[in-house]
Amino acid sequence: MRILSKILAAAILAILGLLVLEVLFFFWVSNQPSQTSEYDAIVVFAGSSNRVQRAYQLARQKVAPVLIISPASKRSISYYEERFGQPGNVSYILEEQADTTFMNAFYSAKLIKAHHFKS
């Protein structure tokens, strides 16, 4: 019985130690300075308005000069700008064909390659 209680105590201490390490790690990660280098493009799959809103926020922060939205049309861009505001001084590249997440990735990758974007 003593051995079992020692093993149980050691297991509990190990789990608590891992939890403390995890909290410290996430605290460290969340306090890192944000990356300030500019990227070639922001790519967003338009299935979620939260994602599109975040892409507009990034564009206003001048993270990248190009915003690729998949799928999107001129009509949807008007809606996004009305809802989320102007994204700043960015160029749009609209991908109008995708109807699944796989196709979002497929057509966006083609646009990225065609424009020679690296980041």
PDB file of N, CA and C in Angstrom:
ATOM      1  N   MET A   1       0.815  -1.191   0.000  1.00  0.00           N
ATOM      2  CA  MET A   1       0.000   0.000   0.000  1.00  0.00           C
ATOM      3  C   MET A   1       0.866   1.266   0.000  1.00  0.00           C
ATOM      4  N   ARG A   2       2.000   1.226   0.730  1.00  0.00           N
ATOM      5  CA  ARG A   2       2.893   2.381   0.762  1.00  0.00           C
ATOM      6  C   ARG A   2       3.487   2.667  -0.614  1.00  0.00           C
ATOM      7  N   ILE A   3       3.857   1.634  -1.327  1.00  0.00           N
ATOM      8  CA  ILE A   3       4.444   1.805  -2.661  1.00  0.00           C
ATOM      9  C   ILE A   3       3.421   2.431  -3.601  1.00  0.00           C
ATOM     10  N   LEU A   4       2.180   1.982  -3.521  1.00  0.00           N
ATOM     11  CA  LEU A   4       1.120   2.511  -4.373  1.00  0.00           C
ATOM     12  C   LEU A   4       0.882   3.998  -4.079  1.00  0.00           C
ATOM     13  N   SER A   5       0.886   4.384  -2.828  1.00  0.00           N
ATOM     14  CA  SER A   5       0.673   5.794  -2.489  1.00  0.00           C
ATOM     15  C   SER A   5       1.865   6.644  -2.931  1.00  0.00           C
ATOM     16  N   LYS A   6       3.084   6.104  -2.874  1.00  0.00           N
ATOM     17  CA  LYS A   6       4.247   6.838  -3.354  1.00  0.00           C
ATOM     18  C   LYS A   6       4.198   7.023  -4.876  1.00  0.00           C
ATOM     19  N   ILE A   7       3.775   5.972  -5.570  1.00  0.00           N
ATOM     20  CA  ILE A   7       3.651   6.068  -7.030  1.00  0.00           C
ATOM     21  C   ILE A   7       2.575   7.082  -7.399  1.00  0.00           C
ATOM     22  N   LEU A   8       1.449   7.050  -6.693  1.00  0.00           N
ATOM     23  CA  LEU A   8       0.369   7.995  -6.945  1.00  0.00           C
ATOM     24  C   LEU A   8       0.824   9.428  -6.673  1.00  0.00           C
ATOM     25  N   ALA A   9       1.539   9.654  -5.587  1.00  0.00           N
ATOM     26  CA  ALA A   9       2.051  10.979  -5.253  1.00  0.00           C
ATOM     27  C   ALA A   9       3.034  11.456  -6.318  1.00  0.00           C
ATOM     28  N   ALA A  10       3.903  10.575  -6.789  1.00  0.00           N
ATOM     29  CA  ALA A  10       4.869  10.938  -7.828  1.00  0.00           C
ATOM     30  C   ALA A  10       4.148  11.292  -9.130  1.00  0.00           C
ATOM     31  N   ALA A  11       3.116  10.529  -9.472  1.00  0.00           N
ATOM     32  CA  ALA A  11       2.352  10.810 -10.692  1.00  0.00           C
ATOM     33  C   ALA A  11       1.658  12.163 -10.596  1.00  0.00           C
ATOM     34  N   ILE A  12       1.065  12.452  -9.451  1.00  0.00           N
ATOM     35  CA  ILE A  12       0.385  13.739  -9.264  1.00  0.00           C
ATOM     36  C   ILE A  12       1.388  14.884  -9.357  1.00  0.00           C
ATOM     37  N   LEU A  13       2.551  14.736  -8.736  1.00  0.00           N
ATOM     38  CA  LEU A  13       3.586  15.771  -8.819  1.00  0.00           C
ATOM     39  C   LEU A  13       4.070  15.975 -10.259  1.00  0.00           C
ATOM     40  N   ALA A  14       4.216  14.874 -10.987  1.00  0.00           N
ATOM     41  CA  ALA A  14       4.660  14.970 -12.385  1.00  0.00           C
ATOM     42  C   ALA A  14       3.616  15.717 -13.215  1.00  0.00           C
ATOM     43  N   ILE A  15       2.340  15.406 -13.021  1.00  0.00           N
ATOM     44  CA  ILE A  15       1.275  16.082 -13.767  1.00  0.00           C
ATOM     45  C   ILE A  15       1.236  17.564 -13.416  1.00  0.00           C
ATOM     46  N   LEU A  16       1.335  17.877 -12.136  1.00  0.00           N
ATOM     47  CA  LEU A  16       1.341  19.277 -11.721  1.00  0.00           C
ATOM     48  C   LEU A  16       2.553  20.017 -12.290  1.00  0.00           C
ATOM     49  N   GLY A  17       3.699  19.353 -12.303  1.00  0.00           N
ATOM     50  CA  GLY A  17       4.893  19.952 -12.886  1.00  0.00           C
ATOM     51  C   GLY A  17       4.715  20.254 -14.363  1.00  0.00           C
ATOM     52  N   LEU A  18       4.105  19.316 -15.093  1.00  0.00           N
ATOM     53  CA  LEU A  18       3.850  19.535 -16.516  1.00  0.00           C
ATOM     54  C   LEU A  18       2.876  20.689 -16.731  1.00  0.00           C
ATOM     55  N   LEU A  19       1.855  20.768 -15.897  1.00  0.00           N
ATOM     56  CA  LEU A  19       0.907  21.876 -16.016  1.00  0.00           C
ATOM     57  C   LEU A  19       1.577  23.223 -15.770  1.00  0.00           C
ATOM     58  N   VAL A  20       2.438  23.281 -14.777  1.00  0.00           N
ATOM     59  CA  VAL A  20       3.165  24.520 -14.500  1.00  0.00           C
ATOM     60  C   VAL A  20       4.056  24.884 -15.684  1.00  0.00           C
ATOM     61  N   LEU A  21       4.752  23.909 -16.246  1.00  0.00           N
ATOM     62  CA  LEU A  21       5.597  24.168 -17.415  1.00  0.00           C
ATOM     63  C   LEU A  21       4.770  24.658 -18.605  1.00  0.00           C
ATOM     64  N   GLU A  22       3.602  24.050 -18.790  1.00  0.00           N
ATOM     65  CA  GLU A  22       2.742  24.459 -19.899  1.00  0.00           C
ATOM     66  C   GLU A  22       2.262  25.900 -19.716  1.00  0.00           C
ATOM     67  N   VAL A  23       1.851  26.253 -18.520  1.00  0.00           N
ATOM     68  CA  VAL A  23       1.418  27.629 -18.245  1.00  0.00           C
ATOM     69  C   VAL A  23       2.566  28.606 -18.483  1.00  0.00           C
ATOM     70  N   LEU A  24       3.745  28.269 -18.003  1.00  0.00           N
ATOM     71  CA  LEU A  24       4.906  29.138 -18.215  1.00  0.00           C
ATOM     72  C   LEU A  24       5.237  29.294 -19.701  1.00  0.00           C
ATOM     73  N   PHE A  25       5.156  28.196 -20.439  1.00  0.00           N
ATOM     74  CA  PHE A  25       5.432  28.241 -21.876  1.00  0.00           C
ATOM     75  C   PHE A  25       4.446  29.154 -22.592  1.00  0.00           C
ATOM     76  N   PHE A  26       3.143  28.979 -22.323  1.00  0.00           N
ATOM     77  CA  PHE A  26       2.144  29.811 -22.988  1.00  0.00           C
ATOM     78  C   PHE A  26       2.255  31.270 -22.575  1.00  0.00           C
ATOM     79  N   PHE A  27       2.644  31.525 -21.327  1.00  0.00           N
ATOM     80  CA  PHE A  27       2.873  32.897 -20.894  1.00  0.00           C
ATOM     81  C   PHE A  27       4.038  33.500 -21.673  1.00  0.00           C
ATOM     82  N   TRP A  28       5.103  32.736 -21.848  1.00  0.00           N
ATOM     83  CA  TRP A  28       6.269  33.196 -22.592  1.00  0.00           C
ATOM     84  C   TRP A  28       5.900  33.477 -24.050  1.00  0.00           C
ATOM     85  N   VAL A  29       5.159  32.550 -24.690  1.00  0.00           N
ATOM     86  CA  VAL A  29       4.769  32.711 -26.090  1.00  0.00           C
ATOM     87  C   VAL A  29       3.878  33.938 -26.257  1.00  0.00           C
ATOM     88  N   SER A  30       2.926  34.113 -25.361  1.00  0.00           N
ATOM     89  CA  SER A  30       1.988  35.234 -25.509  1.00  0.00           C
ATOM     90  C   SER A  30       2.642  36.583 -25.275  1.00  0.00           C
ATOM     91  N   ASN A  31       3.802  36.608 -24.639  1.00  0.00           N
ATOM     92  CA  ASN A  31       4.480  37.866 -24.377  1.00  0.00           C
ATOM     93  C   ASN A  31       5.624  38.155 -25.340  1.00  0.00           C
ATOM     94  N   GLN A  32       5.748  37.362 -26.385  1.00  0.00           N
ATOM     95  CA  GLN A  32       6.774  37.620 -27.390  1.00  0.00           C
ATOM     96  C   GLN A  32       6.350  38.820 -28.227  1.00  0.00           C
ATOM     97  N   PRO A  33       7.280  39.642 -28.654  1.00  0.00           N
ATOM     98  CA  PRO A  33       6.900  40.775 -29.503  1.00  0.00           C
ATOM     99  C   PRO A  33       6.320  40.271 -30.816  1.00  0.00           C
ATOM    100  N   SER A  34       5.324  40.990 -31.312  1.00  0.00           N
ATOM    101  CA  SER A  34       4.716  40.575 -32.565  1.00  0.00           C
ATOM    102  C   SER A  34       5.710  40.777 -33.699  1.00  0.00           C
ATOM    103  N   GLN A  35       5.589  39.942 -34.686  1.00  0.00           N
ATOM    104  CA  GLN A  35       6.499  40.005 -35.818  1.00  0.00           C
ATOM    105  C   GLN A  35       6.173  41.246 -36.640  1.00  0.00           C
ATOM    106  N   THR A  36       7.174  42.009 -36.953  1.00  0.00           N
ATOM    107  CA  THR A  36       6.944  43.266 -37.651  1.00  0.00           C
ATOM    108  C   THR A  36       7.339  43.217 -39.116  1.00  0.00           C
ATOM    109  N   SER A  37       7.901  42.114 -39.553  1.00  0.00           N
ATOM    110  CA  SER A  37       8.297  42.051 -40.950  1.00  0.00           C
ATOM    111  C   SER A  37       7.063  41.918 -41.825  1.00  0.00           C
ATOM    112  N   GLU A  38       7.151  42.452 -43.007  1.00  0.00           N
ATOM    113  CA  GLU A  38       6.031  42.435 -43.927  1.00  0.00           C
ATOM    114  C   GLU A  38       6.026  41.127 -44.713  1.00  0.00           C
ATOM    115  N   TYR A  39       4.844  40.667 -44.979  1.00  0.00           N
ATOM    116  CA  TYR A  39       4.652  39.458 -45.776  1.00  0.00           C
ATOM    117  C   TYR A  39       4.178  39.851 -47.163  1.00  0.00           C
ATOM    118  N   ASP A  40       4.236  38.912 -48.088  1.00  0.00           N
ATOM    119  CA  ASP A  40       3.776  39.167 -49.448  1.00  0.00           C
ATOM    120  C   ASP A  40       2.260  39.293 -49.517  1.00  0.00           C
ATOM    121  N   ALA A  41       1.559  38.432 -48.776  1.00  0.00           N
ATOM    122  CA  ALA A  41       0.098  38.427 -48.880  1.00  0.00           C
ATOM    123  C   ALA A  41      -0.530  37.832 -47.626  1.00  0.00           C
ATOM    124  N   ILE A  42      -1.758  38.248 -47.409  1.00  0.00           N
ATOM    125  CA  ILE A  42      -2.623  37.644 -46.398  1.00  0.00           C
ATOM    126  C   ILE A  42      -3.614  36.802 -47.174  1.00  0.00           C
ATOM    127  N   VAL A  43      -3.747  35.540 -46.813  1.00  0.00           N
ATOM    128  CA  VAL A  43      -4.677  34.640 -47.481  1.00  0.00           C
ATOM    129  C   VAL A  43      -5.762  34.254 -46.486  1.00  0.00           C
ATOM    130  N   VAL A  44      -7.013  34.408 -46.895  1.00  0.00           N
ATOM    131  CA  VAL A  44      -8.115  34.053 -46.001  1.00  0.00           C
ATOM    132  C   VAL A  44      -9.162  33.274 -46.781  1.00  0.00           C
ATOM    133  N   PHE A  45      -9.622  32.197 -46.165  1.00  0.00           N
ATOM    134  CA  PHE A  45     -10.730  31.422 -46.716  1.00  0.00           C
ATOM    135  C   PHE A  45     -12.003  32.004 -46.121  1.00  0.00           C
ATOM    136  N   ALA A  46     -12.909  32.439 -46.959  1.00  0.00           N
ATOM    137  CA  ALA A  46     -14.045  33.254 -46.539  1.00  0.00           C
ATOM    138  C   ALA A  46     -15.195  32.472 -45.913  1.00  0.00           C
ATOM    139  N   GLY A  47     -14.988  31.281 -45.475  1.00  0.00           N
ATOM    140  CA  GLY A  47     -16.068  30.500 -44.873  1.00  0.00           C
ATOM    141  C   GLY A  47     -16.542  31.037 -43.543  1.00  0.00           C
ATOM    142  N   SER A  48     -15.749  31.852 -42.886  1.00  0.00           N
ATOM    143  CA  SER A  48     -16.086  32.388 -41.567  1.00  0.00           C
ATOM    144  C   SER A  48     -15.881  33.892 -41.565  1.00  0.00           C
ATOM    145  N   SER A  49     -16.895  34.620 -41.108  1.00  0.00           N
ATOM    146  CA  SER A  49     -16.744  36.073 -41.062  1.00  0.00           C
ATOM    147  C   SER A  49     -15.673  36.480 -40.057  1.00  0.00           C
ATOM    148  N   ASN A  50     -15.440  35.662 -39.026  1.00  0.00           N
ATOM    149  CA  ASN A  50     -14.370  35.961 -38.066  1.00  0.00           C
ATOM    150  C   ASN A  50     -13.005  35.936 -38.745  1.00  0.00           C
ATOM    151  N   ARG A  51     -12.807  34.971 -39.647  1.00  0.00           N
ATOM    152  CA  ARG A  51     -11.530  34.905 -40.364  1.00  0.00           C
ATOM    153  C   ARG A  51     -11.344  36.116 -41.260  1.00  0.00           C
ATOM    154  N   VAL A  52     -12.400  36.491 -41.972  1.00  0.00           N
ATOM    155  CA  VAL A  52     -12.314  37.637 -42.871  1.00  0.00           C
ATOM    156  C   VAL A  52     -12.075  38.908 -42.070  1.00  0.00           C
ATOM    157  N   GLN A  53     -12.758  39.053 -40.949  1.00  0.00           N
ATOM    158  CA  GLN A  53     -12.562  40.222 -40.101  1.00  0.00           C
ATOM    159  C   GLN A  53     -11.112  40.303 -39.628  1.00  0.00           C
ATOM    160  N   ARG A  54     -10.550  39.167 -39.231  1.00  0.00           N
ATOM    161  CA  ARG A  54      -9.146  39.143 -38.781  1.00  0.00           C
ATOM    162  C   ARG A  54      -8.204  39.496 -39.926  1.00  0.00           C
ATOM    163  N   ALA A  55      -8.497  39.028 -41.123  1.00  0.00           N
ATOM    164  CA  ALA A  55      -7.663  39.368 -42.284  1.00  0.00           C
ATOM    165  C   ALA A  55      -7.693  40.873 -42.534  1.00  0.00           C
ATOM    166  N   TYR A  56      -8.855  41.483 -42.389  1.00  0.00           N
ATOM    167  CA  TYR A  56      -8.967  42.938 -42.563  1.00  0.00           C
ATOM    168  C   TYR A  56      -8.168  43.671 -41.483  1.00  0.00           C
ATOM    169  N   GLN A  57      -8.205  43.162 -40.266  1.00  0.00           N
ATOM    170  CA  GLN A  57      -7.416  43.768 -39.191  1.00  0.00           C
ATOM    171  C   GLN A  57      -5.925  43.702 -39.519  1.00  0.00           C
ATOM    172  N   LEU A  58      -5.479  42.542 -39.982  1.00  0.00           N
ATOM    173  CA  LEU A  58      -4.069  42.377 -40.355  1.00  0.00           C
ATOM    174  C   LEU A  58      -3.695  43.314 -41.497  1.00  0.00           C
ATOM    175  N   ALA A  59      -4.604  43.457 -42.455  1.00  0.00           N
ATOM    176  CA  ALA A  59      -4.337  44.354 -43.577  1.00  0.00           C
ATOM    177  C   ALA A  59      -4.199  45.797 -43.092  1.00  0.00           C
ATOM    178  N   ARG A  60      -5.058  46.207 -42.161  1.00  0.00           N
ATOM    179  CA  ARG A  60      -4.954  47.570 -41.617  1.00  0.00           C
ATOM    180  C   ARG A  60      -3.661  47.768 -40.829  1.00  0.00           C
ATOM    181  N   GLN A  61      -3.116  46.678 -40.283  1.00  0.00           N
ATOM    182  CA  GLN A  61      -1.836  46.742 -39.571  1.00  0.00           C
ATOM    183  C   GLN A  61      -0.652  46.690 -40.533  1.00  0.00           C
ATOM    184  N   LYS A  62      -0.929  46.661 -41.817  1.00  0.00           N
ATOM    185  CA  LYS A  62       0.091  46.661 -42.872  1.00  0.00           C
ATOM    186  C   LYS A  62       1.001  45.445 -42.800  1.00  0.00           C
ATOM    187  N   VAL A  63       0.401  44.302 -42.475  1.00  0.00           N
ATOM    188  CA  VAL A  63       1.157  43.057 -42.433  1.00  0.00           C
ATOM    189  C   VAL A  63       1.574  42.639 -43.838  1.00  0.00           C
ATOM    190  N   ALA A  64       0.721  42.928 -44.821  1.00  0.00           N
ATOM    191  CA  ALA A  64       1.022  42.569 -46.209  1.00  0.00           C
ATOM    192  C   ALA A  64       0.294  43.525 -47.145  1.00  0.00           C
ATOM    193  N   PRO A  65       0.851  43.752 -48.337  1.00  0.00           N
ATOM    194  CA  PRO A  65       0.222  44.680 -49.277  1.00  0.00           C
ATOM    195  C   PRO A  65      -0.898  44.058 -50.114  1.00  0.00           C
ATOM    196  N   VAL A  66      -1.068  42.739 -49.999  1.00  0.00           N
ATOM    197  CA  VAL A  66      -2.055  42.029 -50.820  1.00  0.00           C
ATOM    198  C   VAL A  66      -2.949  41.193 -49.926  1.00  0.00           C
ATOM    199  N   LEU A  67      -4.241  41.188 -50.251  1.00  0.00           N
ATOM    200  CA  LEU A  67      -5.209  40.374 -49.532  1.00  0.00           C
ATOM    201  C   LEU A  67      -5.867  39.432 -50.522  1.00  0.00           C
ATOM    202  N   ILE A  68      -5.637  38.128 -50.330  1.00  0.00           N
ATOM    203  CA  ILE A  68      -6.257  37.100 -51.166  1.00  0.00           C
ATOM    204  C   ILE A  68      -7.434  36.533 -50.384  1.00  0.00           C
ATOM    205  N   ILE A  69      -8.632  36.617 -50.970  1.00  0.00           N
ATOM    206  CA  ILE A  69      -9.829  36.091 -50.311  1.00  0.00           C
ATOM    207  C   ILE A  69     -10.408  35.007 -51.206  1.00  0.00           C
ATOM    208  N   SER A  70     -10.637  33.846 -50.608  1.00  0.00           N
ATOM    209  CA  SER A  70     -11.139  32.693 -51.359  1.00  0.00           C
ATOM    210  C   SER A  70     -12.341  32.091 -50.645  1.00  0.00           C
ATOM    211  N   PRO A  71     -13.475  32.005 -51.293  1.00  0.00           N
ATOM    212  CA  PRO A  71     -13.839  32.671 -52.536  1.00  0.00           C
ATOM    213  C   PRO A  71     -14.319  34.085 -52.251  1.00  0.00           C
ATOM    214  N   ALA A  72     -14.270  34.924 -53.263  1.00  0.00           N
ATOM    215  CA  ALA A  72     -14.761  36.293 -53.128  1.00  0.00           C
ATOM    216  C   ALA A  72     -15.096  36.854 -54.493  1.00  0.00           C
ATOM    217  N   SER A  73     -16.022  37.783 -54.489  1.00  0.00           N
ATOM    218  CA  SER A  73     -16.412  38.513 -55.690  1.00  0.00           C
ATOM    219  C   SER A  73     -16.404  39.992 -55.344  1.00  0.00           C
ATOM    220  N   LYS A  74     -16.593  40.838 -56.331  1.00  0.00           N
ATOM    221  CA  LYS A  74     -16.654  42.274 -56.053  1.00  0.00           C
ATOM    222  C   LYS A  74     -17.806  42.578 -55.099  1.00  0.00           C
ATOM    223  N   ARG A  75     -18.883  41.843 -55.238  1.00  0.00           N
ATOM    224  CA  ARG A  75     -20.037  42.034 -54.358  1.00  0.00           C
ATOM    225  C   ARG A  75     -19.692  41.683 -52.909  1.00  0.00           C
ATOM    226  N   SER A  76     -19.007  40.565 -52.702  1.00  0.00           N
ATOM    227  CA  SER A  76     -18.643  40.180 -51.340  1.00  0.00           C
ATOM    228  C   SER A  76     -17.631  41.153 -50.745  1.00  0.00           C
ATOM    229  N   ILE A  77     -16.732  41.704 -51.575  1.00  0.00           N
ATOM    230  CA  ILE A  77     -15.774  42.695 -51.092  1.00  0.00           C
ATOM    231  C   ILE A  77     -16.510  43.939 -50.603  1.00  0.00           C
ATOM    232  N   SER A  78     -17.511  44.370 -51.340  1.00  0.00           N
ATOM    233  CA  SER A  78     -18.313  45.522 -50.902  1.00  0.00           C
ATOM    234  C   SER A  78     -18.954  45.247 -49.554  1.00  0.00           C
ATOM    235  N   TYR A  79     -19.484  44.026 -49.401  1.00  0.00           N
ATOM    236  CA  TYR A  79     -20.087  43.639 -48.130  1.00  0.00           C
ATOM    237  C   TYR A  79     -19.056  43.643 -47.003  1.00  0.00           C
ATOM    238  N   TYR A  80     -17.884  43.057 -47.245  1.00  0.00           N
ATOM    239  CA  TYR A  80     -16.835  43.007 -46.217  1.00  0.00           C
ATOM    240  C   TYR A  80     -16.380  44.419 -45.825  1.00  0.00           C
ATOM    241  N   GLU A  81     -16.198  45.274 -46.812  1.00  0.00           N
ATOM    242  CA  GLU A  81     -15.751  46.634 -46.509  1.00  0.00           C
ATOM    243  C   GLU A  81     -16.807  47.393 -45.712  1.00  0.00           C
ATOM    244  N   GLU A  82     -18.074  47.155 -46.040  1.00  0.00           N
ATOM    245  CA  GLU A  82     -19.154  47.792 -45.288  1.00  0.00           C
ATOM    246  C   GLU A  82     -19.188  47.267 -43.852  1.00  0.00           C
ATOM    247  N   ARG A  83     -18.968  45.978 -43.697  1.00  0.00           N
ATOM    248  CA  ARG A  83     -19.050  45.353 -42.376  1.00  0.00           C
ATOM    249  C   ARG A  83     -17.799  45.557 -41.530  1.00  0.00           C
ATOM    250  N   PHE A  84     -16.612  45.429 -42.148  1.00  0.00           N
ATOM    251  CA  PHE A  84     -15.359  45.450 -41.390  1.00  0.00           C
ATOM    252  C   PHE A  84     -14.535  46.722 -41.604  1.00  0.00           C
ATOM    253  N   GLY A  85     -14.974  47.597 -42.496  1.00  0.00           N
ATOM    254  CA  GLY A  85     -14.228  48.814 -42.782  1.00  0.00           C
ATOM    255  C   GLY A  85     -13.207  48.594 -43.881  1.00  0.00           C
ATOM    256  N   GLN A  86     -12.599  49.675 -44.313  1.00  0.00           N
ATOM    257  CA  GLN A  86     -11.579  49.597 -45.353  1.00  0.00           C
ATOM    258  C   GLN A  86     -10.359  48.865 -44.803  1.00  0.00           C
ATOM    259  N   PRO A  87      -9.762  47.978 -45.587  1.00  0.00           N
ATOM    260  CA  PRO A  87      -8.619  47.211 -45.090  1.00  0.00           C
ATOM    261  C   PRO A  87      -7.298  47.962 -45.174  1.00  0.00           C
ATOM    262  N   GLY A  88      -7.342  49.215 -45.512  1.00  0.00           N
ATOM    263  CA  GLY A  88      -6.096  49.946 -45.664  1.00  0.00           C
ATOM    264  C   GLY A  88      -5.687  49.969 -47.123  1.00  0.00           C
ATOM    265  N   ASN A  89      -4.445  50.265 -47.359  1.00  0.00           N
ATOM    266  CA  ASN A  89      -3.922  50.392 -48.712  1.00  0.00           C
ATOM    267  C   ASN A  89      -3.419  49.037 -49.207  1.00  0.00           C
ATOM    268  N   VAL A  90      -4.346  48.123 -49.455  1.00  0.00           N
ATOM    269  CA  VAL A  90      -3.983  46.795 -49.950  1.00  0.00           C
ATOM    270  C   VAL A  90      -4.639  46.557 -51.300  1.00  0.00           C
ATOM    271  N   SER A  91      -4.039  45.664 -52.047  1.00  0.00           N
ATOM    272  CA  SER A  91      -4.625  45.203 -53.302  1.00  0.00           C
ATOM    273  C   SER A  91      -5.356  43.897 -53.022  1.00  0.00           C
ATOM    274  N   TYR A  92      -6.462  43.718 -53.681  1.00  0.00           N
ATOM    275  CA  TYR A  92      -7.207  42.467 -53.563  1.00  0.00           C
ATOM    276  C   TYR A  92      -6.823  41.528 -54.694  1.00  0.00           C
ATOM    277  N   ILE A  93      -6.744  40.268 -54.374  1.00  0.00           N
ATOM    278  CA  ILE A  93      -6.745  39.217 -55.381  1.00  0.00           C
ATOM    279  C   ILE A  93      -7.917  38.335 -55.013  1.00  0.00           C
ATOM    280  N   LEU A  94      -8.887  38.269 -55.902  1.00  0.00           N
ATOM    281  CA  LEU A  94     -10.103  37.519 -55.614  1.00  0.00           C
ATOM    282  C   LEU A  94     -10.048  36.160 -56.286  1.00  0.00           C
ATOM    283  N   GLU A  95     -10.309  35.152 -55.508  1.00  0.00           N
ATOM    284  CA  GLU A  95     -10.421  33.789 -56.021  1.00  0.00           C
ATOM    285  C   GLU A  95     -11.917  33.484 -56.029  1.00  0.00           C
ATOM    286  N   GLU A  96     -12.482  33.246 -57.200  1.00  0.00           N
ATOM    287  CA  GLU A  96     -13.929  33.160 -57.330  1.00  0.00           C
ATOM    288  C   GLU A  96     -14.475  31.761 -57.583  1.00  0.00           C
ATOM    289  N   GLN A  97     -13.648  30.725 -57.560  1.00  0.00           N
ATOM    290  CA  GLN A  97     -14.113  29.411 -57.979  1.00  0.00           C
ATOM    291  C   GLN A  97     -14.356  28.423 -56.847  1.00  0.00           C
ATOM    292  N   ALA A  98     -13.688  28.566 -55.734  1.00  0.00           N
ATOM    293  CA  ALA A  98     -13.703  27.547 -54.680  1.00  0.00           C
ATOM    294  C   ALA A  98     -15.079  27.392 -54.044  1.00  0.00           C
ATOM    295  N   ASP A  99     -15.409  26.141 -53.742  1.00  0.00           N
ATOM    296  CA  ASP A  99     -16.651  25.876 -53.010  1.00  0.00           C
ATOM    297  C   ASP A  99     -16.436  24.886 -51.862  1.00  0.00           C
ATOM    298  N   THR A 100     -15.192  24.505 -51.639  1.00  0.00           N
ATOM    299  CA  THR A 100     -14.839  23.668 -50.491  1.00  0.00           C
ATOM    300  C   THR A 100     -13.507  24.182 -49.940  1.00  0.00           C
ATOM    301  N   THR A 101     -13.180  23.766 -48.739  1.00  0.00           N
ATOM    302  CA  THR A 101     -11.910  24.180 -48.144  1.00  0.00           C
ATOM    303  C   THR A 101     -10.736  23.674 -48.976  1.00  0.00           C
ATOM    304  N   PHE A 102     -10.846  22.454 -49.464  1.00  0.00           N
ATOM    305  CA  PHE A 102      -9.783  21.913 -50.307  1.00  0.00           C
ATOM    306  C   PHE A 102      -9.579  22.786 -51.536  1.00  0.00           C
ATOM    307  N   MET A 103     -10.688  23.212 -52.156  1.00  0.00           N
ATOM    308  CA  MET A 103     -10.578  24.041 -53.352  1.00  0.00           C
ATOM    309  C   MET A 103     -10.084  25.448 -53.002  1.00  0.00           C
ATOM    310  N   ASN A 104     -10.432  25.960 -51.804  1.00  0.00           N
ATOM    311  CA  ASN A 104      -9.848  27.231 -51.345  1.00  0.00           C
ATOM    312  C   ASN A 104      -8.329  27.133 -51.387  1.00  0.00           C
ATOM    313  N   ALA A 105      -7.809  26.074 -50.797  1.00  0.00           N
ATOM    314  CA  ALA A 105      -6.360  25.886 -50.727  1.00  0.00           C
ATOM    315  C   ALA A 105      -5.766  25.689 -52.121  1.00  0.00           C
ATOM    316  N   PHE A 106      -6.423  24.898 -52.937  1.00  0.00           N
ATOM    317  CA  PHE A 106      -5.940  24.600 -54.286  1.00  0.00           C
ATOM    318  C   PHE A 106      -5.824  25.874 -55.124  1.00  0.00           C
ATOM    319  N   TYR A 107      -6.915  26.644 -55.207  1.00  0.00           N
ATOM    320  CA  TYR A 107      -6.904  27.845 -56.035  1.00  0.00           C
ATOM    321  C   TYR A 107      -6.035  28.960 -55.429  1.00  0.00           C
ATOM    322  N   SER A 108      -6.016  29.053 -54.111  1.00  0.00           N
ATOM    323  CA  SER A 108      -5.151  30.059 -53.468  1.00  0.00           C
ATOM    324  C   SER A 108      -3.680  29.748 -53.742  1.00  0.00           C
ATOM    325  N   ALA A 109      -3.326  28.478 -53.682  1.00  0.00           N
ATOM    326  CA  ALA A 109      -1.942  28.082 -53.969  1.00  0.00           C
ATOM    327  C   ALA A 109      -1.559  28.464 -55.399  1.00  0.00           C
ATOM    328  N   LYS A 110      -2.495  28.289 -56.337  1.00  0.00           N
ATOM    329  CA  LYS A 110      -2.215  28.685 -57.721  1.00  0.00           C
ATOM    330  C   LYS A 110      -1.975  30.195 -57.823  1.00  0.00           C
ATOM    331  N   LEU A 111      -2.778  30.969 -57.107  1.00  0.00           N
ATOM    332  CA  LEU A 111      -2.590  32.426 -57.120  1.00  0.00           C
ATOM    333  C   LEU A 111      -1.262  32.819 -56.490  1.00  0.00           C
ATOM    334  N   ILE A 112      -0.933  32.182 -55.388  1.00  0.00           N
ATOM    335  CA  ILE A 112       0.339  32.457 -54.711  1.00  0.00           C
ATOM    336  C   ILE A 112       1.509  32.161 -55.646  1.00  0.00           C
ATOM    337  N   LYS A 113       1.436  31.043 -56.308  1.00  0.00           N
ATOM    338  CA  LYS A 113       2.502  30.660 -57.240  1.00  0.00           C
ATOM    339  C   LYS A 113       2.559  31.610 -58.434  1.00  0.00           C
ATOM    340  N   ALA A 114       1.396  31.965 -58.982  1.00  0.00           N
ATOM    341  CA  ALA A 114       1.363  32.849 -60.152  1.00  0.00           C
ATOM    342  C   ALA A 114       1.929  34.238 -59.848  1.00  0.00           C
ATOM    343  N   HIS A 115       1.763  34.690 -58.614  1.00  0.00           N
ATOM    344  CA  HIS A 115       2.259  36.007 -58.230  1.00  0.00           C
ATOM    345  C   HIS A 115       3.660  35.943 -57.579  1.00  0.00           C
ATOM    346  N   HIS A 116       4.216  34.750 -57.529  1.00  0.00           N
ATOM    347  CA  HIS A 116       5.565  34.545 -56.976  1.00  0.00           C
ATOM    348  C   HIS A 116       5.701  35.004 -55.520  1.00  0.00           C
ATOM    349  N   PHE A 117       4.622  34.830 -54.755  1.00  0.00           N
ATOM    350  CA  PHE A 117       4.676  35.173 -53.338  1.00  0.00           C
ATOM    351  C   PHE A 117       5.490  34.131 -52.599  1.00  0.00           C
ATOM    352  N   LYS A 118       6.292  34.582 -51.659  1.00  0.00           N
ATOM    353  CA  LYS A 118       7.136  33.682 -50.870  1.00  0.00           C
ATOM    354  C   LYS A 118       6.737  33.621 -49.402  1.00  0.00           C
ATOM    355  N   SER A 119       5.990  34.641 -48.948  1.00  0.00           N
ATOM    356  CA  SER A 119       5.614  34.646 -47.529  1.00  0.00           C
ATOM    357  C   SER A 119       4.206  35.175 -47.347  1.00  0.00           C
TER     358      SER A 119
END
